[in-house]
């Protein structure tokens, strides 16, 4: 459990996103390893001496896909065959990678989306029912 009382769980991760608009992960106090995924044991050295770490929310697009067959909650937002959306993996400045929605790109023309594009965290339209990490062009 962290000093602030929040356990290293997905619920805590999403609470930081929803309540504080912060991208939080964990840092191992033993070896310094950073992880975006909240976990109670360090993936690198297996220590349990962890603390919450706030990521800057800046990185580069590593890979992406455009989705036109959408889950129902995205269909309710207007996405679908005629209006696809983009998701991708962003490599954060601090090193870890995280998946999220990619905003500000034309998912109808994926040939125009370039990997290595600078991205910044975008939590402006965070859906409280289906919170998701999102990035936009920097």
C-alpha atoms as a PDB file:
ATOM      1  CA  UNK A   1       0.000   0.000   0.000  1.00  0.00           C
ATOM      2  CA  UNK A   2       1.302   3.448  -0.890  1.00  0.00           C
ATOM      3  CA  UNK A   3       1.798   6.298   1.586  1.00  0.00           C
ATOM      4  CA  UNK A   4      -1.377   7.949   0.299  1.00  0.00           C
ATOM      5  CA  UNK A   5      -3.312   4.793   1.182  1.00  0.00           C
ATOM      6  CA  UNK A   6      -4.136   3.798  -2.371  1.00  0.00           C
ATOM      7  CA  UNK A   7      -3.336   0.198  -3.230  1.00  0.00           C
ATOM      8  CA  UNK A   8      -1.433  -0.527  -6.443  1.00  0.00           C
ATOM      9  CA  UNK A   9      -4.512  -1.658  -8.407  1.00  0.00           C
ATOM     10  CA  UNK A  10      -6.350  -0.861 -11.606  1.00  0.00           C
ATOM     11  CA  UNK A  11      -9.099   0.800  -9.564  1.00  0.00           C
ATOM     12  CA  UNK A  12      -6.551   3.220  -8.086  1.00  0.00           C
ATOM     13  CA  UNK A  13      -5.023   3.844 -11.534  1.00  0.00           C
ATOM     14  CA  UNK A  14      -8.432   4.826 -12.948  1.00  0.00           C
ATOM     15  CA  UNK A  15      -9.309   6.867  -9.845  1.00  0.00           C
ATOM     16  CA  UNK A  16      -6.191   8.980 -10.463  1.00  0.00           C
ATOM     17  CA  UNK A  17      -7.288   9.443 -14.089  1.00  0.00           C
ATOM     18  CA  UNK A  18     -10.892  10.311 -13.276  1.00  0.00           C
ATOM     19  CA  UNK A  19     -10.511  12.316 -10.078  1.00  0.00           C
ATOM     20  CA  UNK A  20      -7.159  14.013 -10.518  1.00  0.00           C
ATOM     21  CA  UNK A  21      -6.540  13.841 -14.302  1.00  0.00           C
ATOM     22  CA  UNK A  22      -3.102  12.319 -13.622  1.00  0.00           C
ATOM     23  CA  UNK A  23      -1.353   9.413 -15.334  1.00  0.00           C
ATOM     24  CA  UNK A  24       0.077   7.398 -12.462  1.00  0.00           C
ATOM     25  CA  UNK A  25       2.146   4.238 -12.438  1.00  0.00           C
ATOM     26  CA  UNK A  26       4.549   2.665  -9.992  1.00  0.00           C
ATOM     27  CA  UNK A  27       8.245   3.099  -9.330  1.00  0.00           C
ATOM     28  CA  UNK A  28      10.311   0.509  -7.502  1.00  0.00           C
ATOM     29  CA  UNK A  29      12.281   2.073  -4.678  1.00  0.00           C
ATOM     30  CA  UNK A  30      14.766  -0.814  -4.812  1.00  0.00           C
ATOM     31  CA  UNK A  31      15.821  -0.727  -8.467  1.00  0.00           C
ATOM     32  CA  UNK A  32      14.062   2.347  -9.926  1.00  0.00           C
ATOM     33  CA  UNK A  33      12.028   0.360 -12.490  1.00  0.00           C
ATOM     34  CA  UNK A  34       8.979   2.267 -13.777  1.00  0.00           C
ATOM     35  CA  UNK A  35       5.730   0.581 -14.757  1.00  0.00           C
ATOM     36  CA  UNK A  36       2.519   2.115 -16.036  1.00  0.00           C
ATOM     37  CA  UNK A  37       0.615  -0.984 -14.948  1.00  0.00           C
ATOM     38  CA  UNK A  38      -0.161  -0.792 -11.240  1.00  0.00           C
ATOM     39  CA  UNK A  39       1.324  -3.842  -9.546  1.00  0.00           C
ATOM     40  CA  UNK A  40       2.280  -4.777  -6.015  1.00  0.00           C
ATOM     41  CA  UNK A  41       5.600  -6.407  -6.998  1.00  0.00           C
ATOM     42  CA  UNK A  42       8.337  -4.968  -9.202  1.00  0.00           C
ATOM     43  CA  UNK A  43       8.484  -6.685 -12.576  1.00  0.00           C
ATOM     44  CA  UNK A  44      12.268  -6.217 -12.688  1.00  0.00           C
ATOM     45  CA  UNK A  45      13.613  -7.144  -9.224  1.00  0.00           C
ATOM     46  CA  UNK A  46      10.458  -8.573  -7.565  1.00  0.00           C
ATOM     47  CA  UNK A  47      10.660  -6.143  -4.652  1.00  0.00           C
ATOM     48  CA  UNK A  48       7.485  -5.037  -2.926  1.00  0.00           C
ATOM     49  CA  UNK A  49       8.961  -1.617  -2.053  1.00  0.00           C
ATOM     50  CA  UNK A  50       6.963   0.506  -4.494  1.00  0.00           C
ATOM     51  CA  UNK A  51       5.571   4.006  -4.694  1.00  0.00           C
ATOM     52  CA  UNK A  52       3.152   5.786  -6.999  1.00  0.00           C
ATOM     53  CA  UNK A  53       4.868   7.730  -9.781  1.00  0.00           C
ATOM     54  CA  UNK A  54       3.292  10.458 -11.917  1.00  0.00           C
ATOM     55  CA  UNK A  55       4.198  10.290 -15.592  1.00  0.00           C
ATOM     56  CA  UNK A  56       4.555  13.520 -17.575  1.00  0.00           C
ATOM     57  CA  UNK A  57       2.092  12.266 -20.179  1.00  0.00           C
ATOM     58  CA  UNK A  58       4.363  12.917 -23.153  1.00  0.00           C
ATOM     59  CA  UNK A  59       5.724  10.371 -25.587  1.00  0.00           C
ATOM     60  CA  UNK A  60       5.850   9.080 -29.145  1.00  0.00           C
ATOM     61  CA  UNK A  61       3.389   6.952 -31.070  1.00  0.00           C
ATOM     62  CA  UNK A  62       4.973   3.502 -31.477  1.00  0.00           C
ATOM     63  CA  UNK A  63       2.193   1.676 -33.305  1.00  0.00           C
ATOM     64  CA  UNK A  64      -1.525   2.095 -33.982  1.00  0.00           C
ATOM     65  CA  UNK A  65      -4.637   0.583 -35.440  1.00  0.00           C
ATOM     66  CA  UNK A  66      -7.872   2.123 -36.693  1.00  0.00           C
ATOM     67  CA  UNK A  67     -11.087   0.478 -35.568  1.00  0.00           C
ATOM     68  CA  UNK A  68     -14.353   0.541 -37.499  1.00  0.00           C
ATOM     69  CA  UNK A  69     -16.117  -2.447 -35.883  1.00  0.00           C
ATOM     70  CA  UNK A  70     -16.656  -0.866 -32.490  1.00  0.00           C
ATOM     71  CA  UNK A  71     -17.864  -1.881 -29.029  1.00  0.00           C
ATOM     72  CA  UNK A  72     -21.304  -0.567 -28.106  1.00  0.00           C
ATOM     73  CA  UNK A  73     -20.078   2.249 -25.827  1.00  0.00           C
ATOM     74  CA  UNK A  74     -17.947   3.629 -28.707  1.00  0.00           C
ATOM     75  CA  UNK A  75     -20.880   3.237 -31.105  1.00  0.00           C
ATOM     76  CA  UNK A  76     -22.919   5.391 -28.727  1.00  0.00           C
ATOM     77  CA  UNK A  77     -20.276   8.108 -29.190  1.00  0.00           C
ATOM     78  CA  UNK A  78     -20.742   8.020 -32.965  1.00  0.00           C
ATOM     79  CA  UNK A  79     -17.890   5.725 -33.995  1.00  0.00           C
ATOM     80  CA  UNK A  80     -18.414   2.881 -36.448  1.00  0.00           C
ATOM     81  CA  UNK A  81     -17.866   1.812 -40.058  1.00  0.00           C
ATOM     82  CA  UNK A  82     -18.251   5.359 -41.358  1.00  0.00           C
ATOM     83  CA  UNK A  83     -16.348   6.964 -38.475  1.00  0.00           C
ATOM     84  CA  UNK A  84     -13.488   4.763 -37.224  1.00  0.00           C
ATOM     85  CA  UNK A  85     -11.306   5.657 -34.260  1.00  0.00           C
ATOM     86  CA  UNK A  86      -7.620   5.111 -33.600  1.00  0.00           C
ATOM     87  CA  UNK A  87      -5.892   3.338 -30.724  1.00  0.00           C
ATOM     88  CA  UNK A  88      -2.197   2.899 -30.304  1.00  0.00           C
ATOM     89  CA  UNK A  89       0.810   2.284 -28.118  1.00  0.00           C
ATOM     90  CA  UNK A  90       2.678   5.353 -26.892  1.00  0.00           C
ATOM     91  CA  UNK A  91       6.219   5.088 -25.558  1.00  0.00           C
ATOM     92  CA  UNK A  92       6.369   7.589 -22.722  1.00  0.00           C
ATOM     93  CA  UNK A  93       9.367   9.900 -22.258  1.00  0.00           C
ATOM     94  CA  UNK A  94      10.191   7.963 -19.093  1.00  0.00           C
ATOM     95  CA  UNK A  95      10.413   4.689 -21.045  1.00  0.00           C
ATOM     96  CA  UNK A  96       7.308   2.564 -20.350  1.00  0.00           C
ATOM     97  CA  UNK A  97       4.736   1.986 -23.070  1.00  0.00           C
ATOM     98  CA  UNK A  98       0.984   2.373 -22.695  1.00  0.00           C
ATOM     99  CA  UNK A  99      -2.014   1.764 -24.907  1.00  0.00           C
ATOM    100  CA  UNK A 100      -4.696   4.359 -25.413  1.00  0.00           C
ATOM    101  CA  UNK A 101      -6.997   6.214 -27.744  1.00  0.00           C
ATOM    102  CA  UNK A 102      -5.215   8.420 -30.277  1.00  0.00           C
ATOM    103  CA  UNK A 103      -7.078  11.670 -30.878  1.00  0.00           C
ATOM    104  CA  UNK A 104      -6.473  14.333 -33.468  1.00  0.00           C
ATOM    105  CA  UNK A 105      -5.704  11.921 -36.304  1.00  0.00           C
ATOM    106  CA  UNK A 106      -7.849  10.935 -39.284  1.00  0.00           C
ATOM    107  CA  UNK A 107      -8.658   7.281 -38.621  1.00  0.00           C
ATOM    108  CA  UNK A 108     -10.420   7.130 -42.015  1.00  0.00           C
ATOM    109  CA  UNK A 109      -7.015   7.659 -43.664  1.00  0.00           C
ATOM    110  CA  UNK A 110      -4.533   5.645 -41.596  1.00  0.00           C
ATOM    111  CA  UNK A 111      -1.870   6.030 -44.290  1.00  0.00           C
ATOM    112  CA  UNK A 112      -1.511   9.622 -43.083  1.00  0.00           C
ATOM    113  CA  UNK A 113      -0.830   8.645 -39.461  1.00  0.00           C
ATOM    114  CA  UNK A 114       2.874   8.415 -38.730  1.00  0.00           C
ATOM    115  CA  UNK A 115       4.620   6.442 -36.020  1.00  0.00           C
ATOM    116  CA  UNK A 116       7.155   8.372 -33.932  1.00  0.00           C
ATOM    117  CA  UNK A 117       4.748  11.334 -33.872  1.00  0.00           C
ATOM    118  CA  UNK A 118       4.964  13.252 -30.600  1.00  0.00           C
ATOM    119  CA  UNK A 119       1.925  12.713 -28.396  1.00  0.00           C
ATOM    120  CA  UNK A 120       0.596  14.287 -25.207  1.00  0.00           C
ATOM    121  CA  UNK A 121      -1.885  12.907 -22.670  1.00  0.00           C
ATOM    122  CA  UNK A 122      -5.449  14.080 -23.371  1.00  0.00           C
ATOM    123  CA  UNK A 123      -8.001  13.511 -20.623  1.00  0.00           C
ATOM    124  CA  UNK A 124     -10.400  16.313 -21.604  1.00  0.00           C
ATOM    125  CA  UNK A 125     -13.259  14.034 -22.669  1.00  0.00           C
ATOM    126  CA  UNK A 126     -12.678  11.264 -20.138  1.00  0.00           C
ATOM    127  CA  UNK A 127     -15.794   9.080 -19.984  1.00  0.00           C
ATOM    128  CA  UNK A 128     -16.540   8.376 -16.295  1.00  0.00           C
ATOM    129  CA  UNK A 129     -18.328   5.137 -17.200  1.00  0.00           C
ATOM    130  CA  UNK A 130     -15.565   3.840 -19.499  1.00  0.00           C
ATOM    131  CA  UNK A 131     -12.406   5.761 -18.561  1.00  0.00           C
ATOM    132  CA  UNK A 132      -9.585   5.274 -21.036  1.00  0.00           C
ATOM    133  CA  UNK A 133      -6.160   6.773 -21.438  1.00  0.00           C
ATOM    134  CA  UNK A 134      -6.063   9.022 -24.509  1.00  0.00           C
ATOM    135  CA  UNK A 135      -3.337  10.917 -26.310  1.00  0.00           C
ATOM    136  CA  UNK A 136      -3.425  13.642 -28.954  1.00  0.00           C
ATOM    137  CA  UNK A 137      -0.855  15.138 -31.285  1.00  0.00           C
ATOM    138  CA  UNK A 138       1.575  17.326 -29.340  1.00  0.00           C
END
